C-alpha atoms as a PDB file:
ATOM      1  CA  MET A   1       0.278  -0.336  -0.360  1.00  0.00           C
ATOM      2  CA  THR A   2       1.712   3.149  -1.043  1.00  0.00           C
ATOM      3  CA  ASP A   3      -1.095   5.425  -0.159  1.00  0.00           C
ATOM      4  CA  TYR A   4      -1.356   7.427   2.109  1.00  0.00           C
ATOM      5  CA  ASP A   5      -4.140   9.100   4.638  1.00  0.00           C
ATOM      6  CA  SER A   6      -3.079  12.524   6.231  1.00  0.00           C
ATOM      7  CA  PHE A   7      -3.898  13.373   9.760  1.00  0.00           C
ATOM      8  CA  GLN A   8      -5.034  16.166   9.365  1.00  0.00           C
ATOM      9  CA  ASN A   9      -8.118  15.609   7.263  1.00  0.00           C
ATOM     10  CA  TYR A  10      -8.810  12.300   8.419  1.00  0.00           C
ATOM     11  CA  THR A  11     -12.297  11.964   9.745  1.00  0.00           C
ATOM     12  CA  SER A  12     -13.000   8.721  11.900  1.00  0.00           C
ATOM     13  CA  PRO A  13     -16.253   7.113  12.330  1.00  0.00           C
ATOM     14  CA  THR A  14     -18.111   6.620  16.319  1.00  0.00           C
ATOM     15  CA  TYR A  15     -15.707   4.961  19.267  1.00  0.00           C
ATOM     16  CA  GLY A  16     -17.388   1.369  19.039  1.00  0.00           C
ATOM     17  CA  THR A  17     -16.528  -0.167  15.948  1.00  0.00           C
ATOM     18  CA  ILE A  18     -13.077  -0.672  13.702  1.00  0.00           C
ATOM     19  CA  PHE A  19     -11.302   1.461  11.720  1.00  0.00           C
ATOM     20  CA  ALA A  20      -8.065   1.751  10.736  1.00  0.00           C
ATOM     21  CA  GLY A  21      -5.880   3.927   8.677  1.00  0.00           C
ATOM     22  CA  HIS A  22      -2.041   4.509   7.193  1.00  0.00           C
ATOM     23  CA  PHE A  23      -0.068   7.411   7.898  1.00  0.00           C
ATOM     24  CA  ASN A  24       3.221   8.385   6.698  1.00  0.00           C
ATOM     25  CA  GLU A  25       4.016  11.869   9.199  1.00  0.00           C
ATOM     26  CA  SER A  26       6.940  13.971   9.888  1.00  0.00           C
ATOM     27  CA  ASP A  27       7.969  15.264  13.088  1.00  0.00           C
ATOM     28  CA  ARG A  28       5.439  17.788  13.295  1.00  0.00           C
ATOM     29  CA  TYR A  29       2.482  14.834  13.629  1.00  0.00           C
ATOM     30  CA  MET A  30       1.511  13.999  17.158  1.00  0.00           C
ATOM     31  CA  THR A  31      -1.702  12.923  19.210  1.00  0.00           C
ATOM     32  CA  THR A  32      -2.858  13.918  22.621  1.00  0.00           C
ATOM     33  CA  ARG A  33      -5.944  12.226  24.555  1.00  0.00           C
ATOM     34  CA  PRO A  34      -5.683  13.390  28.201  1.00  0.00           C
ATOM     35  CA  ALA A  35      -9.037  11.071  28.977  1.00  0.00           C
ATOM     36  CA  GLY A  36      -7.743   7.945  26.948  1.00  0.00           C
ATOM     37  CA  MET A  37      -9.589   6.344  24.692  1.00  0.00           C
ATOM     38  CA  THR A  38     -12.879   3.806  25.385  1.00  0.00           C
ATOM     39  CA  ASP A  39     -11.621   1.827  22.320  1.00  0.00           C
ATOM     40  CA  TRP A  40      -7.688  -0.406  21.984  1.00  0.00           C
ATOM     41  CA  LEU A  41      -5.378   0.994  19.413  1.00  0.00           C
ATOM     42  CA  LEU A  42      -2.856  -1.429  16.999  1.00  0.00           C
ATOM     43  CA  ALA A  43      -0.172   0.294  15.316  1.00  0.00           C
ATOM     44  CA  TYR A  44       2.455  -1.427  13.055  1.00  0.00           C
ATOM     45  CA  THR A  45       5.478   0.751  12.430  1.00  0.00           C
ATOM     46  CA  LEU A  46       7.111   0.332   8.724  1.00  0.00           C
ATOM     47  CA  GLU A  47       9.738   2.731   8.697  1.00  0.00           C
ATOM     48  CA  GLY A  48      10.930   5.495  10.639  1.00  0.00           C
ATOM     49  CA  ASN A  49      10.192   6.028  14.681  1.00  0.00           C
ATOM     50  CA  GLY A  50       7.226   6.596  16.529  1.00  0.00           C
ATOM     51  CA  TYR A  51       6.866   7.193  20.648  1.00  0.00           C
ATOM     52  CA  PHE A  52       4.060   6.495  22.998  1.00  0.00           C
ATOM     53  CA  ARG A  53       3.945   8.596  26.660  1.00  0.00           C
ATOM     54  CA  THR A  54       1.695   6.795  28.832  1.00  0.00           C
ATOM     55  CA  PRO A  55       1.462   7.747  32.590  1.00  0.00           C
ATOM     56  CA  ALA A  56       3.996   4.896  32.872  1.00  0.00           C
ATOM     57  CA  GLY A  57       6.373   6.576  31.017  1.00  0.00           C
ATOM     58  CA  GLU A  58       7.701   7.184  27.236  1.00  0.00           C
ATOM     59  CA  GLU A  59       8.626   4.293  24.853  1.00  0.00           C
ATOM     60  CA  SER A  60       9.646   4.019  21.363  1.00  0.00           C
ATOM     61  CA  CYS A  61       8.533   1.964  18.498  1.00  0.00           C
ATOM     62  CA  SER A  62      11.194   1.707  15.339  1.00  0.00           C
ATOM     63  CA  ALA A  63      10.066  -0.607  11.972  1.00  0.00           C
ATOM     64  CA  GLY A  64       8.628  -4.075  12.755  1.00  0.00           C
ATOM     65  CA  ASP A  65       7.312  -3.091  16.236  1.00  0.00           C
ATOM     66  CA  LEU A  66       3.619  -3.722  16.580  1.00  0.00           C
ATOM     67  CA  VAL A  67       2.280  -1.678  19.651  1.00  0.00           C
ATOM     68  CA  LEU A  68      -0.529  -2.245  21.867  1.00  0.00           C
ATOM     69  CA  LEU A  69      -2.305   0.542  23.908  1.00  0.00           C
ATOM     70  CA  ARG A  70      -4.823  -0.110  26.251  1.00  0.00           C
ATOM     71  CA  SER A  71      -8.251   1.285  26.819  1.00  0.00           C
ATOM     72  CA  GLY A  72      -8.686   3.735  29.011  1.00  0.00           C
ATOM     73  CA  VAL A  73      -5.382   5.067  29.663  1.00  0.00           C
ATOM     74  CA  PRO A  74      -4.402   8.964  29.437  1.00  0.00           C
ATOM     75  CA  HIS A  75      -1.939   8.844  26.370  1.00  0.00           C
ATOM     76  CA  GLN A  76      -0.027  10.892  23.986  1.00  0.00           C
ATOM     77  CA  TYR A  77       2.207   9.695  20.646  1.00  0.00           C
ATOM     78  CA  GLY A  78       3.998  11.004  17.699  1.00  0.00           C
ATOM     79  CA  THR A  79       6.642  10.755  15.454  1.00  0.00           C
ATOM     80  CA  VAL A  80      10.439  10.991  16.722  1.00  0.00           C
ATOM     81  CA  ALA A  81      12.120  14.381  16.818  1.00  0.00           C
ATOM     82  CA  GLY A  82      14.053  14.464  13.545  1.00  0.00           C
ATOM     83  CA  SER A  83      12.360  11.505  12.356  1.00  0.00           C
ATOM     84  CA  HIS A  84       9.178  10.215  10.001  1.00  0.00           C
ATOM     85  CA  TRP A  85       6.752   7.718  11.140  1.00  0.00           C
ATOM     86  CA  ASN A  86       5.222   5.731   8.537  1.00  0.00           C
ATOM     87  CA  PHE A  87       2.863   3.156  10.604  1.00  0.00           C
ATOM     88  CA  ILE A  88      -0.544   1.480  10.144  1.00  0.00           C
ATOM     89  CA  TRP A  89      -2.948   1.293  12.497  1.00  0.00           C
ATOM     90  CA  ALA A  90      -6.887  -0.123  14.014  1.00  0.00           C
ATOM     91  CA  HIS A  91      -9.090   1.104  16.629  1.00  0.00           C
ATOM     92  CA  PHE A  92     -11.412  -1.491  17.713  1.00  0.00           C
ATOM     93  CA  PRO A  93     -13.282  -2.272  20.706  1.00  0.00           C
ATOM     94  CA  GLY A  94     -12.555  -4.437  23.540  1.00  0.00           C
ATOM     95  CA  MET A  95     -12.007  -8.225  23.183  1.00  0.00           C
ATOM     96  CA  ILE A  96     -11.566 -11.398  24.940  1.00  0.00           C
ATOM     97  CA  GLU A  97      -8.202 -12.519  23.477  1.00  0.00           C
ATOM     98  CA  THR A  98      -6.502  -8.728  25.139  1.00  0.00           C
ATOM     99  CA  ASN A  99      -6.419 -10.901  28.113  1.00  0.00           C
ATOM    100  CA  TYR A 100      -4.036 -13.225  26.836  1.00  0.00           C
ATOM    101  CA  LEU A 101      -1.999 -10.400  27.187  1.00  0.00           C
ATOM    102  CA  PRO A 102      -0.300  -9.180  29.838  1.00  0.00           C
ATOM    103  CA  GLU A 103      -1.865  -5.840  31.545  1.00  0.00           C
ATOM    104  CA  GLN A 104      -0.081  -3.100  30.585  1.00  0.00           C
ATOM    105  CA  GLU A 105      -0.807  -0.279  29.032  1.00  0.00           C
ATOM    106  CA  LEU A 106       1.495  -0.590  26.903  1.00  0.00           C
ATOM    107  CA  ILE A 107       2.766  -3.399  25.133  1.00  0.00           C
ATOM    108  CA  ILE A 108       5.309  -2.775  22.365  1.00  0.00           C
ATOM    109  CA  GLN A 109       6.676  -6.032  21.208  1.00  0.00           C
ATOM    110  CA  SER A 110       8.877  -7.020  18.108  1.00  0.00           C
ATOM    111  CA  VAL A 111       7.288  -8.750  15.244  1.00  0.00           C
ATOM    112  CA  GLY A 112      10.055 -10.866  14.302  1.00  0.00           C
ATOM    113  CA  LYS A 113      10.753 -12.563  11.342  1.00  0.00           C
ATOM    114  CA  ALA A 114       9.883 -11.050   7.504  1.00  0.00           C
ATOM    115  CA  GLN A 115       7.058 -13.716   6.857  1.00  0.00           C
ATOM    116  CA  MET A 116       5.618 -12.525  10.937  1.00  0.00           C
ATOM    117  CA  GLN A 117       5.659  -8.941   9.540  1.00  0.00           C
ATOM    118  CA  LYS A 118       4.358  -9.846   6.125  1.00  0.00           C
ATOM    119  CA  ARG A 119       1.309 -11.211   8.081  1.00  0.00           C
ATOM    120  CA  VAL A 120       0.828  -8.978  10.283  1.00  0.00           C
ATOM    121  CA  TYR A 121       0.768  -5.954   7.743  1.00  0.00           C
ATOM    122  CA  GLN A 122      -1.132  -7.964   5.207  1.00  0.00           C
ATOM    123  CA  ALA A 123      -3.876  -8.052   8.494  1.00  0.00           C
ATOM    124  CA  LEU A 124      -3.779  -4.614   9.177  1.00  0.00           C
ATOM    125  CA  LYS A 125      -4.117  -4.068   5.173  1.00  0.00           C
ATOM    126  CA  ASN A 126      -6.922  -6.116   5.428  1.00  0.00           C
ATOM    127  CA  ILE A 127      -8.774  -4.124   8.072  1.00  0.00           C
ATOM    128  CA  ILE A 128      -7.976  -0.813   6.467  1.00  0.00           C
ATOM    129  CA  GLN A 129     -10.317  -2.113   3.537  1.00  0.00           C
ATOM    130  CA  ASP A 130     -12.667  -3.668   4.523  1.00  0.00           C
ATOM    131  CA  SER A 131     -13.559  -1.679   6.934  1.00  0.00           C
ATOM    132  CA  ARG A 132     -14.102   1.044   4.430  1.00  0.00           C
ATOM    133  CA  GLU A 133     -15.954  -1.202   2.331  1.00  0.00           C
ATOM    134  CA  GLN A 134     -18.525  -2.085   4.273  1.00  0.00           C
ATOM    135  CA  ARG A 135     -19.896  -5.580   2.229  1.00  0.00           C
ATOM    136  CA  SER A 136     -22.376  -7.880   4.207  1.00  0.00           C
ATOM    137  CA  PHE A 137     -19.855  -9.429   6.505  1.00  0.00           C
ATOM    138  CA  TRP A 138     -17.015  -6.676   7.100  1.00  0.00           C
ATOM    139  CA  LEU A 139     -16.964  -6.573  11.122  1.00  0.00           C
ATOM    140  CA  PRO A 140     -16.534  -9.982  12.272  1.00  0.00           C
ATOM    141  CA  ILE A 141     -14.099 -10.137   8.684  1.00  0.00           C
ATOM    142  CA  CYS A 142     -11.873  -7.494  10.912  1.00  0.00           C
ATOM    143  CA  GLU A 143     -12.837  -8.439  14.449  1.00  0.00           C
ATOM    144  CA  ASN A 144     -10.594 -12.103  13.269  1.00  0.00           C
ATOM    145  CA  GLU A 145      -8.277 -10.470  11.519  1.00  0.00           C
ATOM    146  CA  ILE A 146      -7.604  -8.271  15.019  1.00  0.00           C
ATOM    147  CA  ARG A 147      -8.530 -11.669  17.196  1.00  0.00           C
ATOM    148  CA  GLY A 148      -5.089 -12.780  15.071  1.00  0.00           C
ATOM    149  CA  ILE A 149      -2.904 -10.323  15.707  1.00  0.00           C
ATOM    150  CA  LEU A 150      -3.455 -10.401  19.361  1.00  0.00           C
ATOM    151  CA  LEU A 151      -3.130 -13.849  19.525  1.00  0.00           C
ATOM    152  CA  LEU A 152       0.005 -13.988  17.628  1.00  0.00           C
ATOM    153  CA  MET A 153       0.959 -11.623  20.483  1.00  0.00           C
ATOM    154  CA  ALA A 154       0.277 -13.028  23.311  1.00  0.00           C
ATOM    155  CA  GLU A 155       1.922 -16.368  21.764  1.00  0.00           C
ATOM    156  CA  ARG A 156       5.004 -14.699  21.321  1.00  0.00           C
ATOM    157  CA  GLY A 157       5.396 -13.274  24.552  1.00  0.00           C
ATOM    158  CA  ARG A 158       5.274 -16.179  25.661  1.00  0.00           C
ATOM    159  CA  ARG A 159       7.795 -18.080  23.731  1.00  0.00           C
ATOM    160  CA  LYS A 160      11.187 -18.767  25.264  1.00  0.00           C
ATOM    161  CA  GLY A 161      11.883 -21.563  23.213  1.00  0.00           C
ATOM    162  CA  ASP A 162      14.586 -22.351  19.941  1.00  0.00           C
ATOM    163  CA  PRO A 163      13.574 -20.348  17.027  1.00  0.00           C
ATOM    164  CA  ARG A 164      13.945 -22.542  15.059  1.00  0.00           C
ATOM    165  CA  VAL A 165      10.630 -24.651  16.694  1.00  0.00           C
ATOM    166  CA  GLU A 166       8.948 -21.681  15.902  1.00  0.00           C
ATOM    167  CA  GLU A 167      10.493 -21.655  11.599  1.00  0.00           C
ATOM    168  CA  THR A 168       9.461 -25.800  11.746  1.00  0.00           C
ATOM    169  CA  LEU A 169       6.092 -24.763  12.329  1.00  0.00           C
ATOM    170  CA  HIS A 170       5.515 -22.213  10.425  1.00  0.00           C
ATOM    171  CA  TYR A 171       7.341 -24.418   7.672  1.00  0.00           C
ATOM    172  CA  LEU A 172       4.143 -27.500   9.038  1.00  0.00           C
ATOM    173  CA  SER A 173       1.727 -24.295   7.919  1.00  0.00           C
ATOM    174  CA  LYS A 174       3.130 -23.157   4.921  1.00  0.00           C
ATOM    175  CA  HIS A 175       3.562 -27.378   3.198  1.00  0.00           C
ATOM    176  CA  MET A 176       0.133 -28.589   5.185  1.00  0.00           C
ATOM    177  CA  ARG A 177      -0.895 -30.279   2.199  1.00  0.00           C
ATOM    178  CA  GLU A 178       1.986 -31.941   0.682  1.00  0.00           C
ATOM    179  CA  THR A 179       3.898 -34.713   2.104  1.00  0.00           C
ATOM    180  CA  ILE A 180       5.898 -34.175   5.284  1.00  0.00           C
ATOM    181  CA  ARG A 181       9.652 -34.760   4.999  1.00  0.00           C
ATOM    182  CA  ILE A 182      11.497 -34.498   8.576  1.00  0.00           C
ATOM    183  CA  GLU A 183      14.793 -34.257   6.013  1.00  0.00           C
ATOM    184  CA  ASP A 184      13.432 -31.348   4.428  1.00  0.00           C
ATOM    185  CA  ILE A 185      12.537 -29.552   7.189  1.00  0.00           C
ATOM    186  CA  ALA A 186      15.541 -30.118   8.933  1.00  0.00           C
ATOM    187  CA  GLU A 187      17.726 -28.779   6.281  1.00  0.00           C
ATOM    188  CA  SER A 188      15.570 -25.284   6.049  1.00  0.00           C
ATOM    189  CA  VAL A 189      16.495 -24.731   9.897  1.00  0.00           C
ATOM    190  CA  GLY A 190      20.159 -25.758   9.674  1.00  0.00           C
ATOM    191  CA  LEU A 191      19.720 -28.638  11.806  1.00  0.00           C
ATOM    192  CA  SER A 192      19.649 -33.161  11.152  1.00  0.00           C
ATOM    193  CA  SER A 193      16.684 -34.809  11.311  1.00  0.00           C
ATOM    194  CA  SER A 194      17.246 -36.854  14.373  1.00  0.00           C
ATOM    195  CA  ARG A 195      18.356 -32.997  16.443  1.00  0.00           C
ATOM    196  CA  LEU A 196      15.670 -31.579  14.901  1.00  0.00           C
ATOM    197  CA  SER A 197      13.082 -34.217  16.063  1.00  0.00           C
ATOM    198  CA  HIS A 198      14.673 -34.125  19.399  1.00  0.00           C
ATOM    199  CA  LEU A 199      14.239 -30.910  20.304  1.00  0.00           C
ATOM    200  CA  PHE A 200      10.648 -29.661  18.740  1.00  0.00           C
ATOM    201  CA  LYS A 201       9.251 -32.993  20.869  1.00  0.00           C
ATOM    202  CA  GLU A 202      11.498 -31.306  24.021  1.00  0.00           C
ATOM    203  CA  GLU A 203       9.829 -28.083  23.389  1.00  0.00           C
ATOM    204  CA  THR A 204       6.364 -28.750  21.829  1.00  0.00           C
ATOM    205  CA  GLY A 205       4.859 -32.528  23.933  1.00  0.00           C
ATOM    206  CA  SER A 206       4.515 -33.435  20.340  1.00  0.00           C
ATOM    207  CA  THR A 207       5.969 -34.863  17.513  1.00  0.00           C
ATOM    208  CA  ILE A 208       6.515 -33.371  14.008  1.00  0.00           C
ATOM    209  CA  VAL A 209       4.136 -35.635  12.781  1.00  0.00           C
ATOM    210  CA  GLU A 210       1.816 -35.568  15.085  1.00  0.00           C
ATOM    211  CA  THR A 211       1.722 -31.558  14.685  1.00  0.00           C
ATOM    212  CA  VAL A 212       1.332 -31.303  11.398  1.00  0.00           C
ATOM    213  CA  ASN A 213      -1.588 -33.912  11.190  1.00  0.00           C
ATOM    214  CA  ALA A 214      -3.563 -32.095  14.265  1.00  0.00           C
ATOM    215  CA  MET A 215      -2.925 -29.181  11.781  1.00  0.00           C
ATOM    216  CA  ARG A 216      -4.695 -30.198   9.458  1.00  0.00           C
ATOM    217  CA  ILE A 217      -7.731 -32.095  11.427  1.00  0.00           C
ATOM    218  CA  ARG A 218      -8.056 -28.323  12.692  1.00  0.00           C
ATOM    219  CA  GLN A 219      -8.550 -27.285   9.568  1.00  0.00           C
ATOM    220  CA  ALA A 220     -10.465 -29.826   7.929  1.00  0.00           C
ATOM    221  CA  ALA A 221     -12.974 -29.126  10.885  1.00  0.00           C
ATOM    222  CA  LEU A 222     -12.999 -25.114   9.855  1.00  0.00           C
ATOM    223  CA  HIS A 223     -13.718 -27.004   6.007  1.00  0.00           C
ATOM    224  CA  ILE A 224     -16.943 -29.180   6.885  1.00  0.00           C
ATOM    225  CA  ARG A 225     -18.087 -26.833   9.273  1.00  0.00           C
ATOM    226  CA  ASN A 226     -17.902 -23.260   7.458  1.00  0.00           C
ATOM    227  CA  PHE A 227     -17.291 -24.199   4.064  1.00  0.00           C
ATOM    228  CA  GLY A 228     -19.934 -27.115   3.077  1.00  0.00           C
ATOM    229  CA  ARG A 229     -17.404 -29.528   2.804  1.00  0.00           C
ATOM    230  CA  THR A 230     -17.905 -32.997   2.666  1.00  0.00           C
ATOM    231  CA  ALA A 231     -16.049 -35.252   5.474  1.00  0.00           C
ATOM    232  CA  SER A 232     -13.349 -36.787   2.274  1.00  0.00           C
ATOM    233  CA  GLU A 233     -13.364 -33.117   0.399  1.00  0.00           C
ATOM    234  CA  SER A 234     -12.056 -31.685   3.593  1.00  0.00           C
ATOM    235  CA  ALA A 235      -9.398 -34.850   3.907  1.00  0.00           C
ATOM    236  CA  TYR A 236      -8.332 -34.382   0.929  1.00  0.00           C
ATOM    237  CA  ASP A 237      -8.406 -30.510   0.836  1.00  0.00           C
ATOM    238  CA  VAL A 238      -5.860 -30.603   3.740  1.00  0.00           C
ATOM    239  CA  GLY A 239      -3.246 -33.435   2.764  1.00  0.00           C
ATOM    240  CA  PHE A 240      -4.975 -36.814   3.608  1.00  0.00           C
ATOM    241  CA  HIS A 241      -4.610 -39.067   1.114  1.00  0.00           C
ATOM    242  CA  ASN A 242      -6.146 -42.098   3.036  1.00  0.00           C
ATOM    243  CA  TYR A 243     -10.025 -41.305   4.726  1.00  0.00           C
ATOM    244  CA  ASN A 244      -9.882 -44.295   7.132  1.00  0.00           C
ATOM    245  CA  HIS A 245      -6.612 -42.614   8.647  1.00  0.00           C
ATOM    246  CA  PHE A 246      -8.438 -38.965   8.561  1.00  0.00           C
ATOM    247  CA  ALA A 247     -11.271 -40.616  10.333  1.00  0.00           C
ATOM    248  CA  ALA A 248      -9.721 -41.973  12.964  1.00  0.00           C
ATOM    249  CA  LEU A 249      -7.497 -39.086  13.773  1.00  0.00           C
ATOM    250  CA  PHE A 250     -10.252 -36.852  13.889  1.00  0.00           C
ATOM    251  CA  ARG A 251     -12.828 -39.087  15.780  1.00  0.00           C
ATOM    252  CA  GLN A 252      -9.549 -38.756  17.898  1.00  0.00           C
ATOM    253  CA  GLN A 253      -8.851 -35.392  18.159  1.00  0.00           C
ATOM    254  CA  MET A 254     -12.428 -34.169  17.858  1.00  0.00           C
ATOM    255  CA  GLY A 255     -14.021 -36.906  19.859  1.00  0.00           C
ATOM    256  CA  MET A 256     -16.440 -37.497  16.927  1.00  0.00           C
ATOM    257  CA  SER A 257     -16.297 -38.976  13.805  1.00  0.00           C
ATOM    258  CA  PRO A 258     -16.334 -35.706  10.737  1.00  0.00           C
ATOM    259  CA  ARG A 259     -19.566 -37.253   9.253  1.00  0.00           C
ATOM    260  CA  GLU A 260     -21.413 -36.681  12.818  1.00  0.00           C
ATOM    261  CA  TYR A 261     -19.289 -33.431  13.483  1.00  0.00           C
ATOM    262  CA  ALA A 262     -20.886 -32.227   9.711  1.00  0.00           C
ATOM    263  CA  LYS A 263     -24.342 -32.805  11.365  1.00  0.00           C
ATOM    264  CA  LEU A 264     -23.886 -30.542  14.553  1.00  0.00           C
ATOM    265  CA  PRO A 265     -25.921 -27.366  14.756  1.00  0.00           C
ATOM    266  CA  ILE A 266     -24.001 -24.322  13.567  1.00  0.00           C
ATOM    267  CA  SER A 267     -23.927 -22.129  16.593  1.00  0.00           C
END
């Protein structure tokens, strides 16, 4: 996205809904809210530097940093002197997922690897587009994007393990439909197959095969409930080529057969 909004002519909607924008501002940019906000703010820095001041003090953010500002906190934020601040942001009402994060006035977290940066940026771009177009289901779509970002923040805040396990999980999600070979994953993260298998089991409590199969079952369940796919279609969608094996794993994980799951009423 190369077109920027300008805070000077930006008119925000009434609080209590979701709205978003993309600013690229000089060090003249500043926003002050002495009484705080009734909603929450996510801000992701693409380039430059910004600062946030709350009663707890002042913190700065730079490229790759994701900021969460809590509802009701008096604050001021703006561009660091002598810099510019290119950032994408979203206001949103309270969500239960914020309970998974520390009860701090302000959280600034580095997003980390390039693929995760792209993921967060794309989610916020989607929120901008969908909140402006406001098609039939725009609000729950935007809420899901925000929930995803908040859960990624919560997960990243709690993870203290080896980054190669995180890379393996990313590999599994990306190649879920394909035949998974531990040798290929090990080569991609720079470990031997035996060392990766041991490290992954030690940190996650599950084997690589168990983990990718659990991912596949969760995805298949979503296909069955939300996209009208049959049990056999869903099995193929997520990478299973043996339906009986899929059905056995599905029952083990979900507590019922795929066809029983498909008949459940949608709440």
